[in-house]
Full PDB file with SEQRES, HELIX, SHEET, SSBOND, CRYST1, ORIGX, SCALE, CONECT and MASTER records, all heavy atoms in Angstrom:
SEQRES   1 A   31  LEU LEU LYS LYS GLY ILE TRP LEU TYR VAL LEU LEU LEU          
SEQRES   2 A   31  LEU PHE GLU GLY ALA LEU ARG LYS TRP LEU LEU PRO GLY          
SEQRES   3 A   31  PHE SER PRO LEU LEU                                          
HELIX    1 AA1 LEU A    2  ALA A   18  1                                  17    
HELIX    2 AA2 LEU A   19  LEU A   23  3                                   5    
HELIX    3 AA3 SER A   28  LEU A   30  5                                   3    
CRYST1    1.000    1.000    1.000  90.00  90.00  90.00 P 1           1          
ORIGX1      1.000000  0.000000  0.000000        0.00000                         
ORIGX2      0.000000  1.000000  0.000000        0.00000                         
ORIGX3      0.000000  0.000000  1.000000        0.00000                         
SCALE1      1.000000  0.000000  0.000000        0.00000                         
SCALE2      0.000000  1.000000  0.000000        0.00000                         
SCALE3      0.000000  0.000000  1.000000        0.00000                         
ATOM      1  N   LEU A   1    -157.308 -48.964 -86.834  1.00  0.00           N  
ATOM      2  CA  LEU A   1    -157.070 -47.559 -86.567  1.00  0.00           C  
ATOM      3  C   LEU A   1    -158.178 -47.075 -85.536  1.00  0.00           C  
ATOM      4  O   LEU A   1    -157.933 -46.371 -84.602  1.00  0.00           O  
ATOM      5  CB  LEU A   1    -157.219 -46.733 -87.844  1.00  0.00           C  
ATOM      6  CG  LEU A   1    -157.113 -45.248 -87.760  1.00  0.00           C  
ATOM      7  CD1 LEU A   1    -155.717 -44.827 -87.189  1.00  0.00           C  
ATOM      8  CD2 LEU A   1    -157.309 -44.485 -89.105  1.00  0.00           C  
ATOM      9  N   LEU A   2    -159.343 -47.572 -85.748  1.00  0.00           N  
ATOM     10  CA  LEU A   2    -160.460 -47.123 -84.866  1.00  0.00           C  
ATOM     11  C   LEU A   2    -160.228 -47.608 -83.391  1.00  0.00           C  
ATOM     12  O   LEU A   2    -160.500 -47.054 -82.496  1.00  0.00           O  
ATOM     13  CB  LEU A   2    -161.780 -47.685 -85.428  1.00  0.00           C  
ATOM     14  CG  LEU A   2    -162.372 -46.952 -86.616  1.00  0.00           C  
ATOM     15  CD1 LEU A   2    -163.497 -47.644 -87.257  1.00  0.00           C  
ATOM     16  CD2 LEU A   2    -162.807 -45.621 -86.236  1.00  0.00           C  
ATOM     17  N   LYS A   3    -159.701 -48.929 -83.356  1.00  0.00           N  
ATOM     18  CA  LYS A   3    -159.409 -49.487 -82.077  1.00  0.00           C  
ATOM     19  C   LYS A   3    -158.340 -48.650 -81.306  1.00  0.00           C  
ATOM     20  O   LYS A   3    -158.515 -48.357 -80.115  1.00  0.00           O  
ATOM     21  CB  LYS A   3    -158.962 -50.938 -82.157  1.00  0.00           C  
ATOM     22  CG  LYS A   3    -160.044 -51.934 -82.344  1.00  0.00           C  
ATOM     23  CD  LYS A   3    -159.667 -53.348 -82.018  1.00  0.00           C  
ATOM     24  CE  LYS A   3    -160.809 -54.335 -81.933  1.00  0.00           C  
ATOM     25  NZ  LYS A   3    -160.390 -55.722 -81.558  1.00  0.00           N  
ATOM     26  N   LYS A   4    -157.374 -48.257 -82.088  1.00  0.00           N  
ATOM     27  CA  LYS A   4    -156.223 -47.467 -81.467  1.00  0.00           C  
ATOM     28  C   LYS A   4    -156.862 -46.111 -81.084  1.00  0.00           C  
ATOM     29  O   LYS A   4    -156.402 -45.471 -80.032  1.00  0.00           O  
ATOM     30  CB  LYS A   4    -155.175 -47.242 -82.569  1.00  0.00           C  
ATOM     31  CG  LYS A   4    -154.276 -48.529 -82.790  1.00  0.00           C  
ATOM     32  CD  LYS A   4    -153.318 -48.259 -83.902  1.00  0.00           C  
ATOM     33  CE  LYS A   4    -152.449 -49.552 -84.272  1.00  0.00           C  
ATOM     34  NZ  LYS A   4    -151.531 -49.374 -85.375  1.00  0.00           N  
ATOM     35  N   GLY A   5    -157.720 -45.560 -81.865  1.00  0.00           N  
ATOM     36  CA  GLY A   5    -158.391 -44.320 -81.441  1.00  0.00           C  
ATOM     37  C   GLY A   5    -159.150 -44.356 -80.231  1.00  0.00           C  
ATOM     38  O   GLY A   5    -159.185 -43.483 -79.328  1.00  0.00           O  
ATOM     39  N   ILE A   6    -159.836 -45.522 -79.908  1.00  0.00           N  
ATOM     40  CA  ILE A   6    -160.651 -45.731 -78.737  1.00  0.00           C  
ATOM     41  C   ILE A   6    -159.663 -45.732 -77.570  1.00  0.00           C  
ATOM     42  O   ILE A   6    -159.893 -45.270 -76.385  1.00  0.00           O  
ATOM     43  CB  ILE A   6    -161.442 -46.986 -78.818  1.00  0.00           C  
ATOM     44  CG1 ILE A   6    -162.600 -46.735 -79.928  1.00  0.00           C  
ATOM     45  CG2 ILE A   6    -162.136 -47.276 -77.434  1.00  0.00           C  
ATOM     46  CD1 ILE A   6    -163.387 -47.889 -80.249  1.00  0.00           C  
ATOM     47  N   TRP A   7    -158.658 -46.552 -77.765  1.00  0.00           N  
ATOM     48  CA  TRP A   7    -157.586 -46.684 -76.692  1.00  0.00           C  
ATOM     49  C   TRP A   7    -157.020 -45.269 -76.279  1.00  0.00           C  
ATOM     50  O   TRP A   7    -156.803 -45.010 -75.170  1.00  0.00           O  
ATOM     51  CB  TRP A   7    -156.415 -47.609 -77.071  1.00  0.00           C  
ATOM     52  CG  TRP A   7    -156.677 -49.057 -76.733  1.00  0.00           C  
ATOM     53  CD1 TRP A   7    -157.143 -50.090 -77.586  1.00  0.00           C  
ATOM     54  CD2 TRP A   7    -156.504 -49.711 -75.554  1.00  0.00           C  
ATOM     55  NE1 TRP A   7    -157.269 -51.224 -76.882  1.00  0.00           N  
ATOM     56  CE2 TRP A   7    -156.907 -51.117 -75.673  1.00  0.00           C  
ATOM     57  CE3 TRP A   7    -156.011 -49.228 -74.280  1.00  0.00           C  
ATOM     58  CZ2 TRP A   7    -156.788 -51.928 -74.623  1.00  0.00           C  
ATOM     59  CZ3 TRP A   7    -155.871 -50.161 -73.232  1.00  0.00           C  
ATOM     60  CH2 TRP A   7    -156.344 -51.440 -73.390  1.00  0.00           C  
ATOM     61  N   LEU A   8    -156.812 -44.509 -77.271  1.00  0.00           N  
ATOM     62  CA  LEU A   8    -156.219 -43.104 -77.109  1.00  0.00           C  
ATOM     63  C   LEU A   8    -157.225 -42.297 -76.268  1.00  0.00           C  
ATOM     64  O   LEU A   8    -156.850 -41.591 -75.357  1.00  0.00           O  
ATOM     65  CB  LEU A   8    -155.931 -42.480 -78.357  1.00  0.00           C  
ATOM     66  CG  LEU A   8    -155.359 -41.009 -78.268  1.00  0.00           C  
ATOM     67  CD1 LEU A   8    -154.090 -41.074 -77.543  1.00  0.00           C  
ATOM     68  CD2 LEU A   8    -155.069 -40.448 -79.713  1.00  0.00           C  
ATOM     69  N   TYR A   9    -158.560 -42.476 -76.584  1.00  0.00           N  
ATOM     70  CA  TYR A   9    -159.538 -41.759 -75.862  1.00  0.00           C  
ATOM     71  C   TYR A   9    -159.520 -42.139 -74.465  1.00  0.00           C  
ATOM     72  O   TYR A   9    -159.572 -41.260 -73.495  1.00  0.00           O  
ATOM     73  CB  TYR A   9    -160.923 -42.059 -76.440  1.00  0.00           C  
ATOM     74  CG  TYR A   9    -162.026 -41.257 -75.899  1.00  0.00           C  
ATOM     75  CD1 TYR A   9    -162.491 -40.093 -76.425  1.00  0.00           C  
ATOM     76  CD2 TYR A   9    -162.817 -41.732 -74.780  1.00  0.00           C  
ATOM     77  CE1 TYR A   9    -163.556 -39.300 -75.915  1.00  0.00           C  
ATOM     78  CE2 TYR A   9    -163.784 -40.983 -74.090  1.00  0.00           C  
ATOM     79  CZ  TYR A   9    -164.233 -39.814 -74.812  1.00  0.00           C  
ATOM     80  OH  TYR A   9    -165.273 -39.075 -74.163  1.00  0.00           O  
ATOM     81  N   VAL A  10    -159.388 -43.367 -74.179  1.00  0.00           N  
ATOM     82  CA  VAL A  10    -159.327 -43.888 -72.626  1.00  0.00           C  
ATOM     83  C   VAL A  10    -158.116 -43.430 -72.058  1.00  0.00           C  
ATOM     84  O   VAL A  10    -158.196 -42.864 -70.885  1.00  0.00           O  
ATOM     85  CB  VAL A  10    -159.368 -45.392 -72.701  1.00  0.00           C  
ATOM     86  CG1 VAL A  10    -159.153 -45.984 -71.262  1.00  0.00           C  
ATOM     87  CG2 VAL A  10    -160.710 -45.948 -73.258  1.00  0.00           C  
ATOM     88  N   LEU A  11    -157.025 -43.440 -72.755  1.00  0.00           N  
ATOM     89  CA  LEU A  11    -155.744 -43.024 -72.098  1.00  0.00           C  
ATOM     90  C   LEU A  11    -155.767 -41.411 -71.837  1.00  0.00           C  
ATOM     91  O   LEU A  11    -155.243 -40.969 -70.768  1.00  0.00           O  
ATOM     92  CB  LEU A  11    -154.456 -43.319 -72.960  1.00  0.00           C  
ATOM     93  CG  LEU A  11    -154.231 -44.761 -73.101  1.00  0.00           C  
ATOM     94  CD1 LEU A  11    -153.143 -45.027 -74.030  1.00  0.00           C  
ATOM     95  CD2 LEU A  11    -153.828 -45.453 -71.749  1.00  0.00           C  
ATOM     96  N   LEU A  12    -156.396 -40.686 -72.749  1.00  0.00           N  
ATOM     97  CA  LEU A  12    -156.491 -39.193 -72.669  1.00  0.00           C  
ATOM     98  C   LEU A  12    -157.429 -38.861 -71.338  1.00  0.00           C  
ATOM     99  O   LEU A  12    -157.245 -38.014 -70.629  1.00  0.00           O  
ATOM    100  CB  LEU A  12    -157.017 -38.558 -73.820  1.00  0.00           C  
ATOM    101  CG  LEU A  12    -156.033 -38.503 -74.923  1.00  0.00           C  
ATOM    102  CD1 LEU A  12    -156.699 -37.858 -76.222  1.00  0.00           C  
ATOM    103  CD2 LEU A  12    -154.900 -37.530 -74.583  1.00  0.00           C  
ATOM    104  N   LEU A  13    -158.385 -39.721 -71.220  1.00  0.00           N  
ATOM    105  CA  LEU A  13    -159.375 -39.627 -70.061  1.00  0.00           C  
ATOM    106  C   LEU A  13    -158.475 -39.729 -68.764  1.00  0.00           C  
ATOM    107  O   LEU A  13    -158.747 -38.954 -67.850  1.00  0.00           O  
ATOM    108  CB  LEU A  13    -160.437 -40.617 -70.157  1.00  0.00           C  
ATOM    109  CG  LEU A  13    -161.327 -40.709 -68.941  1.00  0.00           C  
ATOM    110  CD1 LEU A  13    -162.076 -39.331 -68.674  1.00  0.00           C  
ATOM    111  CD2 LEU A  13    -162.308 -41.848 -69.076  1.00  0.00           C  
ATOM    112  N   LEU A  14    -157.546 -40.740 -68.730  1.00  0.00           N  
ATOM    113  CA  LEU A  14    -156.819 -40.961 -67.530  1.00  0.00           C  
ATOM    114  C   LEU A  14    -155.735 -39.927 -67.242  1.00  0.00           C  
ATOM    115  O   LEU A  14    -155.466 -39.587 -66.113  1.00  0.00           O  
ATOM    116  CB  LEU A  14    -156.167 -42.330 -67.564  1.00  0.00           C  
ATOM    117  CG  LEU A  14    -157.145 -43.551 -67.667  1.00  0.00           C  
ATOM    118  CD1 LEU A  14    -156.288 -44.813 -67.739  1.00  0.00           C  
ATOM    119  CD2 LEU A  14    -158.241 -43.555 -66.631  1.00  0.00           C  
ATOM    120  N   PHE A  15    -155.162 -39.420 -68.391  1.00  0.00           N  
ATOM    121  CA  PHE A  15    -153.968 -38.541 -68.165  1.00  0.00           C  
ATOM    122  C   PHE A  15    -154.125 -37.125 -68.748  1.00  0.00           C  
ATOM    123  O   PHE A  15    -153.210 -36.346 -68.652  1.00  0.00           O  
ATOM    124  CB  PHE A  15    -152.764 -39.202 -68.814  1.00  0.00           C  
ATOM    125  CG  PHE A  15    -152.501 -40.563 -68.263  1.00  0.00           C  
ATOM    126  CD1 PHE A  15    -152.727 -41.764 -69.002  1.00  0.00           C  
ATOM    127  CD2 PHE A  15    -152.037 -40.745 -67.003  1.00  0.00           C  
ATOM    128  CE1 PHE A  15    -152.454 -42.990 -68.464  1.00  0.00           C  
ATOM    129  CE2 PHE A  15    -151.713 -41.886 -66.445  1.00  0.00           C  
ATOM    130  CZ  PHE A  15    -151.945 -43.035 -67.169  1.00  0.00           C  
ATOM    131  N   GLU A  16    -155.269 -36.790 -69.102  1.00  0.00           N  
ATOM    132  CA  GLU A  16    -155.535 -35.451 -69.668  1.00  0.00           C  
ATOM    133  C   GLU A  16    -155.282 -34.342 -68.582  1.00  0.00           C  
ATOM    134  O   GLU A  16    -154.642 -33.339 -68.711  1.00  0.00           O  
ATOM    135  CB  GLU A  16    -157.005 -35.283 -70.116  1.00  0.00           C  
ATOM    136  CG  GLU A  16    -157.579 -33.933 -70.184  1.00  0.00           C  
ATOM    137  CD  GLU A  16    -159.097 -33.963 -70.114  1.00  0.00           C  
ATOM    138  OE1 GLU A  16    -159.777 -34.741 -70.856  1.00  0.00           O  
ATOM    139  OE2 GLU A  16    -159.688 -33.203 -69.387  1.00  0.00           O  
ATOM    140  N   GLY A  17    -155.691 -34.730 -67.307  1.00  0.00           N  
ATOM    141  CA  GLY A  17    -155.496 -33.765 -66.250  1.00  0.00           C  
ATOM    142  C   GLY A  17    -153.936 -33.599 -65.905  1.00  0.00           C  
ATOM    143  O   GLY A  17    -153.482 -32.553 -65.580  1.00  0.00           O  
ATOM    144  N   ALA A  18    -153.109 -34.717 -66.111  1.00  0.00           N  
ATOM    145  CA  ALA A  18    -151.747 -34.541 -65.842  1.00  0.00           C  
ATOM    146  C   ALA A  18    -151.169 -33.658 -66.853  1.00  0.00           C  
ATOM    147  O   ALA A  18    -150.245 -32.836 -66.535  1.00  0.00           O  
ATOM    148  CB  ALA A  18    -151.093 -35.970 -66.002  1.00  0.00           C  
ATOM    149  N   LEU A  19    -151.557 -33.691 -68.140  1.00  0.00           N  
ATOM    150  CA  LEU A  19    -151.106 -32.775 -69.146  1.00  0.00           C  
ATOM    151  C   LEU A  19    -151.382 -31.381 -68.789  1.00  0.00           C  
ATOM    152  O   LEU A  19    -150.591 -30.422 -68.912  1.00  0.00           O  
ATOM    153  CB  LEU A  19    -151.716 -33.137 -70.538  1.00  0.00           C  
ATOM    154  CG  LEU A  19    -151.390 -34.421 -71.179  1.00  0.00           C  
ATOM    155  CD1 LEU A  19    -152.162 -34.657 -72.427  1.00  0.00           C  
ATOM    156  CD2 LEU A  19    -149.875 -34.598 -71.464  1.00  0.00           C  
ATOM    157  N   ARG A  20    -152.631 -31.177 -68.260  1.00  0.00           N  
ATOM    158  CA  ARG A  20    -153.051 -29.801 -67.971  1.00  0.00           C  
ATOM    159  C   ARG A  20    -152.339 -29.346 -66.689  1.00  0.00           C  
ATOM    160  O   ARG A  20    -152.120 -28.003 -66.655  1.00  0.00           O  
ATOM    161  CB  ARG A  20    -154.685 -29.705 -67.740  1.00  0.00           C  
ATOM    162  CG  ARG A  20    -155.389 -30.118 -69.024  1.00  0.00           C  
ATOM    163  CD  ARG A  20    -156.848 -30.196 -68.726  1.00  0.00           C  
ATOM    164  NE  ARG A  20    -157.349 -28.904 -68.324  1.00  0.00           N  
ATOM    165  CZ  ARG A  20    -158.542 -28.740 -67.711  1.00  0.00           C  
ATOM    166  NH1 ARG A  20    -159.251 -29.746 -67.390  1.00  0.00           N  
ATOM    167  NH2 ARG A  20    -158.887 -27.452 -67.375  1.00  0.00           N  
ATOM    168  N   LYS A  21    -152.029 -30.123 -65.784  1.00  0.00           N  
ATOM    169  CA  LYS A  21    -151.488 -29.621 -64.505  1.00  0.00           C  
ATOM    170  C   LYS A  21    -149.942 -29.542 -64.525  1.00  0.00           C  
ATOM    171  O   LYS A  21    -149.383 -28.554 -63.992  1.00  0.00           O  
ATOM    172  CB  LYS A  21    -151.845 -30.661 -63.363  1.00  0.00           C  
ATOM    173  CG  LYS A  21    -153.289 -30.666 -63.009  1.00  0.00           C  
ATOM    174  CD  LYS A  21    -153.558 -31.434 -61.730  1.00  0.00           C  
ATOM    175  CE  LYS A  21    -153.281 -32.897 -61.900  1.00  0.00           C  
ATOM    176  NZ  LYS A  21    -153.676 -33.708 -60.749  1.00  0.00           N  
ATOM    177  N   TRP A  22    -149.247 -30.526 -65.157  1.00  0.00           N  
ATOM    178  CA  TRP A  22    -147.826 -30.583 -65.003  1.00  0.00           C  
ATOM    179  C   TRP A  22    -147.021 -30.284 -66.282  1.00  0.00           C  
ATOM    180  O   TRP A  22    -145.861 -30.009 -66.233  1.00  0.00           O  
ATOM    181  CB  TRP A  22    -147.478 -32.067 -64.474  1.00  0.00           C  
ATOM    182  CG  TRP A  22    -148.153 -32.255 -63.243  1.00  0.00           C  
ATOM    183  CD1 TRP A  22    -148.199 -31.430 -62.156  1.00  0.00           C  
ATOM    184  CD2 TRP A  22    -148.644 -33.475 -62.741  1.00  0.00           C  
ATOM    185  NE1 TRP A  22    -148.749 -32.025 -61.070  1.00  0.00           N  
ATOM    186  CE2 TRP A  22    -149.161 -33.328 -61.390  1.00  0.00           C  
ATOM    187  CE3 TRP A  22    -148.822 -34.751 -63.297  1.00  0.00           C  
ATOM    188  CZ2 TRP A  22    -149.743 -34.284 -60.669  1.00  0.00           C  
ATOM    189  CZ3 TRP A  22    -149.505 -35.751 -62.627  1.00  0.00           C  
ATOM    190  CH2 TRP A  22    -150.020 -35.529 -61.345  1.00  0.00           C  
ATOM    191  N   LEU A  23    -147.613 -30.372 -67.484  1.00  0.00           N  
ATOM    192  CA  LEU A  23    -146.941 -30.127 -68.704  1.00  0.00           C  
ATOM    193  C   LEU A  23    -147.278 -28.734 -69.324  1.00  0.00           C  
ATOM    194  O   LEU A  23    -146.471 -27.991 -69.733  1.00  0.00           O  
ATOM    195  CB  LEU A  23    -147.105 -31.273 -69.732  1.00  0.00           C  
ATOM    196  CG  LEU A  23    -146.511 -32.626 -69.372  1.00  0.00           C  
ATOM    197  CD1 LEU A  23    -146.786 -33.567 -70.494  1.00  0.00           C  
ATOM    198  CD2 LEU A  23    -145.027 -32.443 -69.055  1.00  0.00           C  
ATOM    199  N   LEU A  24    -148.579 -28.428 -69.397  1.00  0.00           N  
ATOM    200  CA  LEU A  24    -149.059 -27.266 -70.079  1.00  0.00           C  
ATOM    201  C   LEU A  24    -150.203 -26.652 -69.057  1.00  0.00           C  
ATOM    202  O   LEU A  24    -151.312 -26.517 -69.496  1.00  0.00           O  
ATOM    203  CB  LEU A  24    -149.758 -27.610 -71.399  1.00  0.00           C  
ATOM    204  CG  LEU A  24    -148.729 -28.184 -72.494  1.00  0.00           C  
ATOM    205  CD1 LEU A  24    -149.590 -28.617 -73.643  1.00  0.00           C  
ATOM    206  CD2 LEU A  24    -147.790 -27.023 -72.863  1.00  0.00           C  
ATOM    207  N   PRO A  25    -149.798 -26.176 -67.922  1.00  0.00           N  
ATOM    208  CA  PRO A  25    -150.709 -25.544 -67.028  1.00  0.00           C  
ATOM    209  C   PRO A  25    -151.216 -24.219 -67.672  1.00  0.00           C  
ATOM    210  O   PRO A  25    -150.438 -23.498 -68.301  1.00  0.00           O  
ATOM    211  CB  PRO A  25    -149.881 -25.238 -65.771  1.00  0.00           C  
ATOM    212  CG  PRO A  25    -148.361 -25.182 -66.306  1.00  0.00           C  
ATOM    213  CD  PRO A  25    -148.366 -26.224 -67.388  1.00  0.00           C  
ATOM    214  N   GLY A  26    -152.480 -23.980 -67.399  1.00  0.00           N  
ATOM    215  CA  GLY A  26    -153.176 -22.771 -67.995  1.00  0.00           C  
ATOM    216  C   GLY A  26    -153.523 -22.893 -69.430  1.00  0.00           C  
ATOM    217  O   GLY A  26    -154.152 -21.930 -69.999  1.00  0.00           O  
ATOM    218  N   PHE A  27    -153.283 -24.035 -70.056  1.00  0.00           N  
ATOM    219  CA  PHE A  27    -153.579 -24.061 -71.473  1.00  0.00           C  
ATOM    220  C   PHE A  27    -155.024 -24.702 -71.534  1.00  0.00           C  
ATOM    221  O   PHE A  27    -155.155 -25.948 -71.679  1.00  0.00           O  
ATOM    222  CB  PHE A  27    -152.579 -24.993 -72.234  1.00  0.00           C  
ATOM    223  CG  PHE A  27    -152.802 -25.000 -73.735  1.00  0.00           C  
ATOM    224  CD1 PHE A  27    -152.659 -23.869 -74.468  1.00  0.00           C  
ATOM    225  CD2 PHE A  27    -153.053 -26.208 -74.328  1.00  0.00           C  
ATOM    226  CE1 PHE A  27    -152.937 -23.878 -75.932  1.00  0.00           C  
ATOM    227  CE2 PHE A  27    -153.124 -26.259 -75.741  1.00  0.00           C  
ATOM    228  CZ  PHE A  27    -153.165 -25.090 -76.538  1.00  0.00           C  
ATOM    229  N   SER A  28    -156.007 -23.859 -71.467  1.00  0.00           N  
ATOM    230  CA  SER A  28    -157.401 -24.298 -71.350  1.00  0.00           C  
ATOM    231  C   SER A  28    -157.881 -25.228 -72.469  1.00  0.00           C  
ATOM    232  O   SER A  28    -158.852 -25.968 -72.313  1.00  0.00           O  
ATOM    233  CB  SER A  28    -158.377 -23.110 -71.111  1.00  0.00           C  
ATOM    234  OG  SER A  28    -158.140 -22.188 -72.209  1.00  0.00           O  
ATOM    235  N   PRO A  29    -157.503 -25.107 -73.730  1.00  0.00           N  
ATOM    236  CA  PRO A  29    -157.886 -25.902 -74.892  1.00  0.00           C  
ATOM    237  C   PRO A  29    -157.795 -27.434 -74.571  1.00  0.00           C  
ATOM    238  O   PRO A  29    -158.518 -28.233 -75.118  1.00  0.00           O  
ATOM    239  CB  PRO A  29    -157.203 -25.515 -76.110  1.00  0.00           C  
ATOM    240  CG  PRO A  29    -156.770 -24.089 -75.865  1.00  0.00           C  
ATOM    241  CD  PRO A  29    -156.551 -23.933 -74.325  1.00  0.00           C  
ATOM    242  N   LEU A  30    -156.929 -27.846 -73.626  1.00  0.00           N  
ATOM    243  CA  LEU A  30    -156.765 -29.199 -73.366  1.00  0.00           C  
ATOM    244  C   LEU A  30    -157.999 -29.777 -72.650  1.00  0.00           C  
ATOM    245  O   LEU A  30    -158.121 -30.978 -72.691  1.00  0.00           O  
ATOM    246  CB  LEU A  30    -155.524 -29.372 -72.454  1.00  0.00           C  
ATOM    247  CG  LEU A  30    -154.116 -29.341 -73.073  1.00  0.00           C  
ATOM    248  CD1 LEU A  30    -153.075 -29.500 -71.967  1.00  0.00           C  
ATOM    249  CD2 LEU A  30    -153.954 -30.485 -74.072  1.00  0.00           C  
ATOM    250  N   LEU A  31    -158.870 -28.918 -72.305  1.00  0.00           N  
ATOM    251  CA  LEU A  31    -160.151 -29.415 -71.619  1.00  0.00           C  
ATOM    252  C   LEU A  31    -160.902 -30.121 -72.702  1.00  0.00           C  
ATOM    253  O   LEU A  31    -161.629 -30.972 -72.372  1.00  0.00           O  
ATOM    254  CB  LEU A  31    -160.864 -28.144 -71.176  1.00  0.00           C  
ATOM    255  CG  LEU A  31    -162.376 -28.425 -70.581  1.00  0.00           C  
ATOM    256  CD1 LEU A  31    -162.221 -29.179 -69.278  1.00  0.00           C  
ATOM    257  CD2 LEU A  31    -163.052 -27.083 -70.410  1.00  0.00           C  
TER     258      LEU A  31                                                      
MASTER        0    0    0    3    0    0    0    6  257    1    0    3          
END                                                                             
């Protein structure tokens, strides 16, 4: 579970901006 959590952290780092720009623009908590 911890390994999966770390992988999720890395993936969110790569695609967090995509979520903020193209899926939920203006939703500041995604920061």
